[in-house]
Amino acid sequence: MKLKYNAPATLTFALAATIVLLIDQYIMPGMIEALFTAEGSLTFQFNDIPAYVRMFTHIFGHSGWDHLLSNLTLILLLGPILEEKYTTKSVAWMIVFTALVNGMVNAFFFESALMGSSGIAFMMILMVSFANIKAGEFPLTALLVVGLYLVKEILAIFRYDDISQVSHIIGAACGAVFGFIRTVGARKKTPGIAPAAGAAGGQTIAN
């Protein structure tokens, strides 16, 4: 029996995020704040090219091991399922798109800086909930997932902490859109058949 690199997008992401935290904590303190934290509206400048790069790289930055592990637990669980169903390339692009949307929304509408990959985790949660949708049906489990997670995050918005619930909601919305598009697209190609496998100033908010 040999080990298999079974989910390249998921495993590469997890490895990169872990290496970034290791370097920040033991070799180059402050690296995450400088390179892996998306700017908020208080510090974002339109002529600052690195700020646009950090709109994506913030998903690799985490405030500590608890923050990283809480996100990777979900990502490593759900990512392989999505890669098997939608292909590695598709999942990689979904991660990039979700990261950029979160980074842009944060830069334009919220004062606090942003780091972390829980927006990606929430995107995957919603996508997995769409995995078994069939023509003319909507699984009750998917509805419960959407309802429970979104209600929880909306209520948490009104509680002060260092967690970006808005980032979670944006990630979930991206996952819902991806899941719907892929499900409907696959159904149109094969009617009646389920789709086959194929930094920052001010406060920093973790997601």
N, C-alpha and C. Protein backbone atom coordinates (compact mmCIF):
# COMPACT_ATOMS: atom_id res chain seq x y z
N MET A 1 0.85 -1.19 0.00
CA MET A 1 0.00 0.00 0.00
C MET A 1 0.89 1.24 0.00
N LYS A 2 0.56 2.22 -0.85
CA LYS A 2 1.35 3.45 -0.91
C LYS A 2 0.46 4.67 -0.71
N LEU A 3 1.07 5.73 -0.21
CA LEU A 3 0.34 6.97 -0.04
C LEU A 3 0.05 7.60 -1.40
N LYS A 4 -1.13 8.17 -1.55
CA LYS A 4 -1.53 8.79 -2.81
C LYS A 4 -1.86 10.26 -2.57
N TYR A 5 -1.31 11.11 -3.40
CA TYR A 5 -1.61 12.54 -3.36
C TYR A 5 -2.97 12.73 -4.03
N ASN A 6 -4.02 12.32 -3.31
CA ASN A 6 -5.33 12.10 -3.93
C ASN A 6 -6.12 13.37 -4.24
N ALA A 7 -5.80 14.46 -3.60
CA ALA A 7 -6.55 15.70 -3.83
C ALA A 7 -5.54 16.84 -3.95
N PRO A 8 -4.92 17.01 -5.11
CA PRO A 8 -3.81 17.96 -5.26
C PRO A 8 -4.13 19.40 -4.85
N ALA A 9 -5.29 19.91 -5.23
CA ALA A 9 -5.62 21.30 -4.88
C ALA A 9 -5.76 21.45 -3.37
N THR A 10 -6.46 20.52 -2.75
CA THR A 10 -6.70 20.58 -1.30
C THR A 10 -5.40 20.39 -0.52
N LEU A 11 -4.63 19.36 -0.88
CA LEU A 11 -3.40 19.06 -0.15
C LEU A 11 -2.35 20.16 -0.35
N THR A 12 -2.25 20.69 -1.55
CA THR A 12 -1.28 21.76 -1.81
C THR A 12 -1.65 23.01 -1.03
N PHE A 13 -2.94 23.32 -0.98
CA PHE A 13 -3.38 24.47 -0.19
C PHE A 13 -3.05 24.28 1.28
N ALA A 14 -3.37 23.11 1.83
CA ALA A 14 -3.11 22.83 3.24
C ALA A 14 -1.63 22.90 3.56
N LEU A 15 -0.80 22.36 2.68
CA LEU A 15 0.65 22.39 2.89
C LEU A 15 1.17 23.82 2.85
N ALA A 16 0.70 24.60 1.88
CA ALA A 16 1.16 25.98 1.76
C ALA A 16 0.78 26.80 2.98
N ALA A 17 -0.45 26.66 3.47
CA ALA A 17 -0.90 27.41 4.64
C ALA A 17 -0.09 27.01 5.88
N THR A 18 0.23 25.73 5.99
CA THR A 18 1.02 25.25 7.13
C THR A 18 2.44 25.81 7.08
N ILE A 19 3.05 25.79 5.89
CA ILE A 19 4.41 26.33 5.74
C ILE A 19 4.44 27.82 6.05
N VAL A 20 3.43 28.56 5.59
CA VAL A 20 3.37 30.00 5.86
C VAL A 20 3.34 30.26 7.37
N LEU A 21 2.54 29.50 8.10
CA LEU A 21 2.45 29.71 9.55
C LEU A 21 3.75 29.31 10.24
N LEU A 22 4.35 28.22 9.80
CA LEU A 22 5.64 27.79 10.37
C LEU A 22 6.70 28.88 10.21
N ILE A 23 6.79 29.44 9.01
CA ILE A 23 7.79 30.48 8.74
C ILE A 23 7.50 31.72 9.57
N ASP A 24 6.22 32.09 9.66
CA ASP A 24 5.85 33.29 10.42
C ASP A 24 6.17 33.14 11.91
N GLN A 25 5.95 31.96 12.45
CA GLN A 25 6.11 31.78 13.89
C GLN A 25 7.55 31.49 14.31
N TYR A 26 8.34 30.88 13.42
CA TYR A 26 9.66 30.43 13.85
C TYR A 26 10.83 31.02 13.08
N ILE A 27 10.58 31.63 11.92
CA ILE A 27 11.69 32.14 11.12
C ILE A 27 11.56 33.64 10.83
N MET A 28 10.40 34.06 10.35
CA MET A 28 10.19 35.47 9.97
C MET A 28 8.91 36.01 10.60
N PRO A 29 8.95 36.33 11.89
CA PRO A 29 7.75 36.88 12.55
C PRO A 29 7.26 38.13 11.84
N GLY A 30 5.96 38.22 11.67
CA GLY A 30 5.38 39.37 11.00
C GLY A 30 5.14 39.18 9.51
N MET A 31 5.59 38.03 8.98
CA MET A 31 5.42 37.78 7.54
C MET A 31 3.96 37.70 7.15
N ILE A 32 3.14 37.05 7.99
CA ILE A 32 1.72 36.91 7.66
C ILE A 32 1.04 38.27 7.62
N GLU A 33 1.35 39.12 8.57
CA GLU A 33 0.75 40.46 8.58
C GLU A 33 1.15 41.25 7.34
N ALA A 34 2.39 41.05 6.88
CA ALA A 34 2.89 41.83 5.75
C ALA A 34 2.43 41.28 4.40
N LEU A 35 2.36 39.96 4.28
CA LEU A 35 2.15 39.36 2.96
C LEU A 35 0.87 38.55 2.82
N PHE A 36 0.27 38.15 3.92
CA PHE A 36 -0.86 37.24 3.85
C PHE A 36 -2.06 37.76 4.64
N THR A 37 -2.26 39.06 4.60
CA THR A 37 -3.39 39.69 5.26
C THR A 37 -4.03 40.68 4.29
N ALA A 38 -5.29 40.50 3.99
CA ALA A 38 -5.99 41.39 3.06
C ALA A 38 -6.33 42.71 3.76
N GLU A 39 -6.16 43.79 3.05
CA GLU A 39 -6.40 45.11 3.62
C GLU A 39 -7.88 45.39 3.83
N GLY A 40 -8.16 46.23 4.84
CA GLY A 40 -9.50 46.75 5.03
C GLY A 40 -9.62 48.11 4.36
N SER A 41 -10.80 48.68 4.42
CA SER A 41 -11.04 49.95 3.74
C SER A 41 -10.21 51.10 4.29
N LEU A 42 -9.76 50.99 5.55
CA LEU A 42 -8.96 52.07 6.14
C LEU A 42 -7.57 52.16 5.55
N THR A 43 -7.04 51.07 5.06
CA THR A 43 -5.66 51.07 4.57
C THR A 43 -5.52 50.74 3.09
N PHE A 44 -6.60 50.24 2.47
CA PHE A 44 -6.50 49.86 1.06
C PHE A 44 -6.31 51.09 0.17
N GLN A 45 -5.34 51.00 -0.75
CA GLN A 45 -5.09 52.06 -1.71
C GLN A 45 -5.13 51.47 -3.12
N PHE A 46 -5.82 52.14 -4.03
CA PHE A 46 -6.03 51.62 -5.37
C PHE A 46 -4.72 51.49 -6.16
N ASN A 47 -3.72 52.29 -5.83
CA ASN A 47 -2.45 52.24 -6.56
C ASN A 47 -1.42 51.32 -5.92
N ASP A 48 -1.84 50.56 -4.91
CA ASP A 48 -0.94 49.65 -4.20
C ASP A 48 -1.10 48.24 -4.77
N ILE A 49 -0.23 47.86 -5.72
CA ILE A 49 -0.35 46.56 -6.39
C ILE A 49 -0.29 45.38 -5.41
N PRO A 50 0.64 45.37 -4.43
CA PRO A 50 0.67 44.24 -3.49
C PRO A 50 -0.65 44.04 -2.74
N ALA A 51 -1.41 45.11 -2.54
CA ALA A 51 -2.70 44.98 -1.85
C ALA A 51 -3.66 44.11 -2.63
N TYR A 52 -3.58 44.17 -3.96
CA TYR A 52 -4.43 43.32 -4.79
C TYR A 52 -3.99 41.86 -4.69
N VAL A 53 -2.69 41.63 -4.58
CA VAL A 53 -2.18 40.28 -4.42
C VAL A 53 -2.65 39.69 -3.09
N ARG A 54 -2.65 40.51 -2.04
CA ARG A 54 -3.08 40.04 -0.72
C ARG A 54 -4.58 39.75 -0.65
N MET A 55 -5.34 40.26 -1.63
CA MET A 55 -6.76 39.88 -1.69
C MET A 55 -6.91 38.37 -1.89
N PHE A 56 -5.89 37.76 -2.51
CA PHE A 56 -5.89 36.30 -2.66
C PHE A 56 -5.08 35.61 -1.58
N THR A 57 -3.87 36.10 -1.30
CA THR A 57 -2.96 35.38 -0.40
C THR A 57 -3.43 35.34 1.05
N HIS A 58 -4.44 36.15 1.40
CA HIS A 58 -4.90 36.15 2.80
C HIS A 58 -5.42 34.79 3.24
N ILE A 59 -5.82 33.95 2.29
CA ILE A 59 -6.34 32.63 2.68
C ILE A 59 -5.25 31.71 3.22
N PHE A 60 -3.98 32.05 2.98
CA PHE A 60 -2.87 31.24 3.50
C PHE A 60 -2.40 31.73 4.88
N GLY A 61 -2.87 32.88 5.31
CA GLY A 61 -2.43 33.44 6.58
C GLY A 61 -3.38 33.10 7.72
N HIS A 62 -2.84 32.67 8.85
CA HIS A 62 -3.66 32.35 10.02
C HIS A 62 -3.01 32.90 11.27
N SER A 63 -3.84 33.19 12.26
CA SER A 63 -3.35 33.84 13.47
C SER A 63 -2.62 32.89 14.41
N GLY A 64 -2.80 31.60 14.23
CA GLY A 64 -2.15 30.62 15.09
C GLY A 64 -2.56 29.21 14.68
N TRP A 65 -2.06 28.22 15.42
CA TRP A 65 -2.32 26.83 15.05
C TRP A 65 -3.78 26.44 15.22
N ASP A 66 -4.44 26.96 16.27
CA ASP A 66 -5.86 26.65 16.45
C ASP A 66 -6.68 27.16 15.27
N HIS A 67 -6.37 28.37 14.84
CA HIS A 67 -7.06 28.97 13.70
C HIS A 67 -6.84 28.14 12.44
N LEU A 68 -5.60 27.77 12.19
CA LEU A 68 -5.28 26.98 11.00
C LEU A 68 -5.96 25.61 11.04
N LEU A 69 -5.83 24.91 12.14
CA LEU A 69 -6.36 23.55 12.23
C LEU A 69 -7.87 23.52 12.15
N SER A 70 -8.54 24.52 12.71
CA SER A 70 -10.00 24.54 12.64
C SER A 70 -10.47 24.66 11.19
N ASN A 71 -9.72 25.40 10.38
CA ASN A 71 -10.08 25.53 8.97
C ASN A 71 -9.68 24.31 8.16
N LEU A 72 -8.46 23.81 8.39
CA LEU A 72 -7.97 22.68 7.60
C LEU A 72 -8.75 21.40 7.88
N THR A 73 -9.29 21.26 9.09
CA THR A 73 -10.09 20.07 9.39
C THR A 73 -11.24 19.93 8.40
N LEU A 74 -11.94 21.03 8.16
CA LEU A 74 -13.05 21.00 7.21
C LEU A 74 -12.56 20.90 5.76
N ILE A 75 -11.53 21.66 5.43
CA ILE A 75 -11.04 21.70 4.05
C ILE A 75 -10.49 20.34 3.63
N LEU A 76 -9.74 19.68 4.51
CA LEU A 76 -9.19 18.37 4.18
C LEU A 76 -10.27 17.29 4.12
N LEU A 77 -11.35 17.50 4.84
CA LEU A 77 -12.46 16.55 4.80
C LEU A 77 -13.29 16.70 3.53
N LEU A 78 -13.58 17.94 3.15
CA LEU A 78 -14.50 18.20 2.04
C LEU A 78 -13.81 18.35 0.69
N GLY A 79 -12.58 18.88 0.69
CA GLY A 79 -11.87 19.12 -0.56
C GLY A 79 -11.73 17.89 -1.45
N PRO A 80 -11.30 16.74 -0.92
CA PRO A 80 -11.16 15.55 -1.76
C PRO A 80 -12.48 15.11 -2.40
N ILE A 81 -13.58 15.27 -1.68
CA ILE A 81 -14.89 14.91 -2.23
C ILE A 81 -15.20 15.79 -3.45
N LEU A 82 -14.93 17.09 -3.31
CA LEU A 82 -15.22 18.02 -4.40
C LEU A 82 -14.29 17.80 -5.59
N GLU A 83 -13.01 17.52 -5.31
CA GLU A 83 -12.08 17.28 -6.41
C GLU A 83 -12.44 16.03 -7.20
N GLU A 84 -12.92 15.02 -6.50
CA GLU A 84 -13.33 13.80 -7.19
C GLU A 84 -14.56 14.05 -8.06
N LYS A 85 -15.45 14.90 -7.59
CA LYS A 85 -16.69 15.15 -8.32
C LYS A 85 -16.52 16.18 -9.43
N TYR A 86 -15.77 17.25 -9.15
CA TYR A 86 -15.71 18.38 -10.09
C TYR A 86 -14.35 18.57 -10.77
N THR A 87 -13.36 17.79 -10.44
CA THR A 87 -11.97 17.86 -10.92
C THR A 87 -11.15 18.84 -10.08
N THR A 88 -9.86 18.56 -10.03
CA THR A 88 -8.94 19.38 -9.25
C THR A 88 -8.87 20.80 -9.79
N LYS A 89 -8.81 20.93 -11.11
CA LYS A 89 -8.71 22.26 -11.71
C LYS A 89 -9.90 23.13 -11.35
N SER A 90 -11.09 22.58 -11.38
CA SER A 90 -12.29 23.34 -11.05
C SER A 90 -12.27 23.80 -9.60
N VAL A 91 -11.89 22.90 -8.70
CA VAL A 91 -11.85 23.26 -7.29
C VAL A 91 -10.79 24.33 -7.03
N ALA A 92 -9.65 24.24 -7.71
CA ALA A 92 -8.61 25.25 -7.56
C ALA A 92 -9.13 26.63 -7.97
N TRP A 93 -9.84 26.70 -9.10
CA TRP A 93 -10.39 27.97 -9.53
C TRP A 93 -11.47 28.48 -8.59
N MET A 94 -12.24 27.58 -8.01
CA MET A 94 -13.25 27.99 -7.03
C MET A 94 -12.60 28.60 -5.79
N ILE A 95 -11.49 28.03 -5.37
CA ILE A 95 -10.75 28.57 -4.23
C ILE A 95 -10.24 29.97 -4.55
N VAL A 96 -9.65 30.13 -5.73
CA VAL A 96 -9.12 31.43 -6.14
C VAL A 96 -10.23 32.48 -6.20
N PHE A 97 -11.34 32.12 -6.83
CA PHE A 97 -12.44 33.07 -7.00
C PHE A 97 -13.02 33.48 -5.64
N THR A 98 -13.25 32.51 -4.76
CA THR A 98 -13.81 32.80 -3.44
C THR A 98 -12.88 33.71 -2.65
N ALA A 99 -11.57 33.43 -2.73
CA ALA A 99 -10.59 34.26 -2.02
C ALA A 99 -10.63 35.70 -2.52
N LEU A 100 -10.67 35.88 -3.83
CA LEU A 100 -10.66 37.23 -4.42
C LEU A 100 -11.94 37.99 -4.07
N VAL A 101 -13.07 37.33 -4.13
CA VAL A 101 -14.34 37.99 -3.78
C VAL A 101 -14.30 38.45 -2.33
N ASN A 102 -13.86 37.58 -1.43
CA ASN A 102 -13.75 37.95 -0.03
C ASN A 102 -12.79 39.11 0.17
N GLY A 103 -11.64 39.05 -0.50
CA GLY A 103 -10.64 40.11 -0.36
C GLY A 103 -11.15 41.45 -0.85
N MET A 104 -11.85 41.45 -1.99
CA MET A 104 -12.36 42.70 -2.55
C MET A 104 -13.47 43.29 -1.68
N VAL A 105 -14.39 42.45 -1.25
CA VAL A 105 -15.48 42.95 -0.41
C VAL A 105 -14.93 43.55 0.88
N ASN A 106 -13.93 42.88 1.46
CA ASN A 106 -13.35 43.38 2.69
C ASN A 106 -12.63 44.72 2.47
N ALA A 107 -11.91 44.84 1.37
CA ALA A 107 -11.15 46.06 1.08
C ALA A 107 -12.06 47.25 0.83
N PHE A 108 -13.21 47.03 0.26
CA PHE A 108 -14.08 48.13 -0.13
C PHE A 108 -15.13 48.48 0.93
N PHE A 109 -15.51 47.51 1.77
CA PHE A 109 -16.66 47.75 2.64
C PHE A 109 -16.40 47.58 4.14
N PHE A 110 -15.26 47.01 4.52
CA PHE A 110 -15.02 46.76 5.95
C PHE A 110 -13.68 47.33 6.38
N GLU A 111 -13.64 47.89 7.57
CA GLU A 111 -12.44 48.58 8.04
C GLU A 111 -11.32 47.63 8.45
N SER A 112 -11.67 46.48 9.00
CA SER A 112 -10.67 45.57 9.54
C SER A 112 -9.96 44.79 8.44
N ALA A 113 -8.70 44.45 8.67
CA ALA A 113 -7.97 43.58 7.76
C ALA A 113 -8.48 42.14 7.92
N LEU A 114 -8.11 41.29 6.98
CA LEU A 114 -8.68 39.94 6.93
C LEU A 114 -7.61 38.90 6.66
N MET A 115 -7.65 37.81 7.41
CA MET A 115 -6.78 36.66 7.14
C MET A 115 -7.52 35.37 7.44
N GLY A 116 -7.10 34.29 6.80
CA GLY A 116 -7.66 32.98 7.12
C GLY A 116 -8.45 32.37 5.97
N SER A 117 -8.72 31.08 6.09
CA SER A 117 -9.33 30.31 5.00
C SER A 117 -10.71 29.77 5.32
N SER A 118 -11.37 30.29 6.34
CA SER A 118 -12.69 29.73 6.65
C SER A 118 -13.73 30.10 5.59
N GLY A 119 -13.49 31.18 4.82
CA GLY A 119 -14.37 31.45 3.69
C GLY A 119 -14.32 30.31 2.70
N ILE A 120 -13.12 29.73 2.51
CA ILE A 120 -12.96 28.57 1.62
C ILE A 120 -13.67 27.36 2.21
N ALA A 121 -13.54 27.17 3.52
CA ALA A 121 -14.21 26.05 4.18
C ALA A 121 -15.72 26.14 4.01
N PHE A 122 -16.27 27.35 4.18
CA PHE A 122 -17.72 27.52 4.03
C PHE A 122 -18.15 27.32 2.58
N MET A 123 -17.32 27.73 1.64
CA MET A 123 -17.62 27.48 0.23
C MET A 123 -17.74 25.98 -0.01
N MET A 124 -16.81 25.20 0.55
CA MET A 124 -16.82 23.76 0.36
C MET A 124 -18.02 23.11 1.05
N ILE A 125 -18.39 23.61 2.21
CA ILE A 125 -19.55 23.05 2.92
C ILE A 125 -20.80 23.17 2.06
N LEU A 126 -21.01 24.35 1.48
CA LEU A 126 -22.19 24.55 0.65
C LEU A 126 -22.12 23.73 -0.63
N MET A 127 -20.93 23.62 -1.23
CA MET A 127 -20.79 22.83 -2.46
C MET A 127 -21.10 21.36 -2.21
N VAL A 128 -20.59 20.83 -1.12
CA VAL A 128 -20.85 19.43 -0.81
C VAL A 128 -22.34 19.19 -0.58
N SER A 129 -23.02 20.18 0.00
CA SER A 129 -24.46 20.01 0.24
C SER A 129 -25.25 19.93 -1.05
N PHE A 130 -24.65 20.42 -2.16
CA PHE A 130 -25.30 20.34 -3.47
C PHE A 130 -24.94 19.07 -4.23
N ALA A 131 -24.03 18.27 -3.69
CA ALA A 131 -23.44 17.17 -4.45
C ALA A 131 -24.45 16.14 -4.93
N ASN A 132 -25.49 15.89 -4.15
CA ASN A 132 -26.42 14.82 -4.50
C ASN A 132 -27.76 15.33 -5.03
N ILE A 133 -27.77 16.58 -5.48
CA ILE A 133 -29.02 17.12 -6.03
C ILE A 133 -29.36 16.42 -7.34
N LYS A 134 -30.60 16.00 -7.49
CA LYS A 134 -31.07 15.36 -8.72
C LYS A 134 -32.18 16.22 -9.33
N ALA A 135 -32.49 15.93 -10.57
CA ALA A 135 -33.51 16.71 -11.27
C ALA A 135 -34.83 16.71 -10.51
N GLY A 136 -35.36 17.92 -10.28
CA GLY A 136 -36.66 18.05 -9.62
C GLY A 136 -36.62 17.83 -8.13
N GLU A 137 -35.44 17.69 -7.54
CA GLU A 137 -35.33 17.43 -6.11
C GLU A 137 -34.35 18.40 -5.46
N PHE A 138 -34.57 18.68 -4.18
CA PHE A 138 -33.61 19.44 -3.39
C PHE A 138 -33.49 18.75 -2.04
N PRO A 139 -32.32 18.17 -1.74
CA PRO A 139 -32.17 17.38 -0.52
C PRO A 139 -32.45 18.19 0.75
N LEU A 140 -33.19 17.61 1.66
CA LEU A 140 -33.48 18.27 2.93
C LEU A 140 -32.20 18.55 3.69
N THR A 141 -31.22 17.64 3.59
CA THR A 141 -29.95 17.85 4.29
C THR A 141 -29.26 19.12 3.80
N ALA A 142 -29.33 19.39 2.49
CA ALA A 142 -28.72 20.60 1.95
C ALA A 142 -29.42 21.84 2.50
N LEU A 143 -30.75 21.79 2.56
CA LEU A 143 -31.51 22.92 3.09
C LEU A 143 -31.16 23.17 4.55
N LEU A 144 -31.00 22.11 5.32
CA LEU A 144 -30.65 22.26 6.73
C LEU A 144 -29.25 22.84 6.90
N VAL A 145 -28.32 22.38 6.07
CA VAL A 145 -26.96 22.92 6.13
C VAL A 145 -26.96 24.42 5.86
N VAL A 146 -27.62 24.80 4.77
CA VAL A 146 -27.69 26.22 4.41
C VAL A 146 -28.34 27.02 5.54
N GLY A 147 -29.47 26.54 6.02
CA GLY A 147 -30.19 27.28 7.06
C GLY A 147 -29.41 27.42 8.35
N LEU A 148 -28.89 26.30 8.85
CA LEU A 148 -28.20 26.31 10.13
C LEU A 148 -26.94 27.18 10.09
N TYR A 149 -26.12 27.01 9.05
CA TYR A 149 -24.88 27.77 8.97
C TYR A 149 -25.14 29.26 8.77
N LEU A 150 -26.06 29.60 7.88
CA LEU A 150 -26.29 31.01 7.60
C LEU A 150 -26.95 31.72 8.78
N VAL A 151 -27.91 31.07 9.42
CA VAL A 151 -28.54 31.67 10.61
C VAL A 151 -27.50 31.89 11.70
N LYS A 152 -26.65 30.89 11.91
CA LYS A 152 -25.60 31.00 12.92
C LYS A 152 -24.68 32.18 12.63
N GLU A 153 -24.27 32.32 11.37
CA GLU A 153 -23.34 33.40 11.02
C GLU A 153 -24.01 34.77 11.06
N ILE A 154 -25.24 34.86 10.64
CA ILE A 154 -25.95 36.13 10.68
C ILE A 154 -26.12 36.60 12.12
N LEU A 155 -26.48 35.69 13.01
CA LEU A 155 -26.63 36.05 14.42
C LEU A 155 -25.28 36.46 15.02
N ALA A 156 -24.22 35.80 14.59
CA ALA A 156 -22.89 36.10 15.13
C ALA A 156 -22.37 37.46 14.70
N ILE A 157 -22.91 38.01 13.61
CA ILE A 157 -22.48 39.34 13.17
C ILE A 157 -22.68 40.37 14.26
N PHE A 158 -23.72 40.18 15.07
CA PHE A 158 -24.05 41.16 16.10
C PHE A 158 -23.28 40.92 17.40
N ARG A 159 -22.39 39.93 17.41
CA ARG A 159 -21.57 39.66 18.58
C ARG A 159 -20.14 40.08 18.27
N TYR A 160 -19.56 40.91 19.12
CA TYR A 160 -18.21 41.41 18.85
C TYR A 160 -17.19 40.30 19.11
N ASP A 161 -16.37 40.02 18.11
CA ASP A 161 -15.24 39.11 18.27
C ASP A 161 -14.27 39.38 17.13
N ASP A 162 -13.24 38.54 17.01
CA ASP A 162 -12.23 38.74 15.97
C ASP A 162 -12.45 37.80 14.79
N ILE A 163 -13.68 37.40 14.57
CA ILE A 163 -14.01 36.49 13.48
C ILE A 163 -14.89 37.21 12.47
N SER A 164 -14.58 37.04 11.19
CA SER A 164 -15.35 37.69 10.13
C SER A 164 -16.48 36.79 9.67
N GLN A 165 -17.67 36.98 10.27
CA GLN A 165 -18.82 36.19 9.85
C GLN A 165 -19.24 36.54 8.41
N VAL A 166 -19.02 37.79 8.02
CA VAL A 166 -19.36 38.19 6.66
C VAL A 166 -18.54 37.38 5.65
N SER A 167 -17.27 37.13 5.97
CA SER A 167 -16.43 36.31 5.10
C SER A 167 -17.00 34.90 4.98
N HIS A 168 -17.51 34.38 6.08
CA HIS A 168 -18.12 33.05 6.05
C HIS A 168 -19.34 33.05 5.13
N ILE A 169 -20.16 34.08 5.26
CA ILE A 169 -21.37 34.16 4.45
C ILE A 169 -21.02 34.29 2.97
N ILE A 170 -20.01 35.10 2.66
CA ILE A 170 -19.58 35.25 1.26
C ILE A 170 -19.08 33.92 0.71
N GLY A 171 -18.28 33.20 1.52
CA GLY A 171 -17.79 31.89 1.10
C GLY A 171 -18.94 30.93 0.85
N ALA A 172 -19.92 30.95 1.75
CA ALA A 172 -21.07 30.08 1.59
C ALA A 172 -21.86 30.45 0.33
N ALA A 173 -22.00 31.74 0.07
CA ALA A 173 -22.72 32.18 -1.13
C ALA A 173 -22.00 31.72 -2.40
N CYS A 174 -20.67 31.84 -2.39
CA CYS A 174 -19.90 31.36 -3.55
C CYS A 174 -20.10 29.87 -3.74
N GLY A 175 -20.08 29.11 -2.65
CA GLY A 175 -20.28 27.66 -2.74
C GLY A 175 -21.65 27.31 -3.28
N ALA A 176 -22.68 28.06 -2.85
CA ALA A 176 -24.02 27.82 -3.33
C ALA A 176 -24.12 28.09 -4.84
N VAL A 177 -23.50 29.19 -5.27
CA VAL A 177 -23.52 29.54 -6.69
C VAL A 177 -22.77 28.49 -7.51
N PHE A 178 -21.57 28.11 -7.04
CA PHE A 178 -20.80 27.08 -7.75
C PHE A 178 -21.58 25.78 -7.85
N GLY A 179 -22.15 25.36 -6.71
CA GLY A 179 -22.88 24.10 -6.68
C GLY A 179 -24.07 24.12 -7.62
N PHE A 180 -24.80 25.23 -7.64
CA PHE A 180 -25.96 25.35 -8.51
C PHE A 180 -25.54 25.33 -9.98
N ILE A 181 -24.51 26.10 -10.31
CA ILE A 181 -24.05 26.17 -11.71
C ILE A 181 -23.57 24.80 -12.19
N ARG A 182 -22.76 24.13 -11.37
CA ARG A 182 -22.22 22.85 -11.80
C ARG A 182 -23.31 21.80 -11.92
N THR A 183 -24.27 21.84 -11.00
CA THR A 183 -25.35 20.86 -11.03
C THR A 183 -26.24 21.07 -12.24
N VAL A 184 -26.65 22.33 -12.46
CA VAL A 184 -27.51 22.64 -13.60
C VAL A 184 -26.77 22.40 -14.91
N GLY A 185 -25.49 22.80 -14.98
CA GLY A 185 -24.71 22.62 -16.19
C GLY A 185 -24.55 21.16 -16.56
N ALA A 186 -24.27 20.33 -15.55
CA ALA A 186 -24.11 18.90 -15.81
C ALA A 186 -25.43 18.28 -16.25
N ARG A 187 -26.53 18.77 -15.69
CA ARG A 187 -27.84 18.22 -16.03
C ARG A 187 -28.22 18.54 -17.46
N LYS A 188 -27.82 19.74 -17.93
CA LYS A 188 -28.12 20.11 -19.31
C LYS A 188 -27.34 19.26 -20.31
N LYS A 189 -26.10 18.89 -19.91
CA LYS A 189 -25.28 18.08 -20.81
C LYS A 189 -25.78 16.64 -20.88
N THR A 190 -26.24 16.14 -19.72
CA THR A 190 -26.71 14.76 -19.66
C THR A 190 -28.08 14.74 -18.97
N PRO A 191 -29.14 15.07 -19.68
CA PRO A 191 -30.47 15.15 -19.07
C PRO A 191 -30.86 13.87 -18.35
N GLY A 192 -31.33 14.07 -17.12
CA GLY A 192 -31.81 12.94 -16.35
C GLY A 192 -30.74 12.13 -15.67
N ILE A 193 -29.45 12.54 -15.85
CA ILE A 193 -28.36 11.79 -15.24
C ILE A 193 -27.61 12.70 -14.28
N ALA A 194 -27.33 12.21 -13.09
CA ALA A 194 -26.59 13.01 -12.12
C ALA A 194 -25.20 13.27 -12.64
N PRO A 195 -24.58 14.43 -12.32
CA PRO A 195 -23.24 14.74 -12.80
C PRO A 195 -22.22 13.72 -12.36
N ALA A 196 -21.30 13.38 -13.26
CA ALA A 196 -20.31 12.35 -12.97
C ALA A 196 -19.05 12.95 -12.41
N ALA A 197 -18.19 12.08 -11.85
CA ALA A 197 -16.95 12.57 -11.28
C ALA A 197 -16.02 13.07 -12.37
N GLY A 198 -15.60 13.45 -12.52
CA GLY A 198 -14.66 13.88 -13.51
C GLY A 198 -13.22 13.88 -13.01
N ALA A 199 -0.14 44.81 4.57
CA ALA A 199 -0.99 44.45 5.52
C ALA A 199 -1.50 45.50 6.27
N ALA A 200 -1.59 45.24 6.65
CA ALA A 200 -2.81 45.79 7.10
C ALA A 200 -2.66 46.69 8.32
N GLY A 201 -3.49 47.68 8.37
CA GLY A 201 -3.53 48.54 9.54
C GLY A 201 -4.82 48.29 10.27
N GLY A 202 -4.92 48.72 11.52
CA GLY A 202 -6.12 48.52 12.29
C GLY A 202 -6.28 47.08 12.71
N GLN A 203 -7.50 46.73 13.08
CA GLN A 203 -7.78 45.40 13.57
C GLN A 203 -7.75 44.37 12.44
N THR A 204 -7.27 43.19 12.75
CA THR A 204 -7.26 42.10 11.78
C THR A 204 -8.32 41.08 12.17
N ILE A 205 -9.17 40.73 11.23
CA ILE A 205 -10.24 39.78 11.47
C ILE A 205 -9.87 38.44 10.87
N ALA A 206 -9.98 37.39 11.67
CA ALA A 206 -9.72 36.03 11.18
C ALA A 206 -10.99 35.47 10.57
N ASN A 207 -10.81 34.62 9.58
CA ASN A 207 -11.97 33.96 9.01
C ASN A 207 -11.65 32.51 8.73
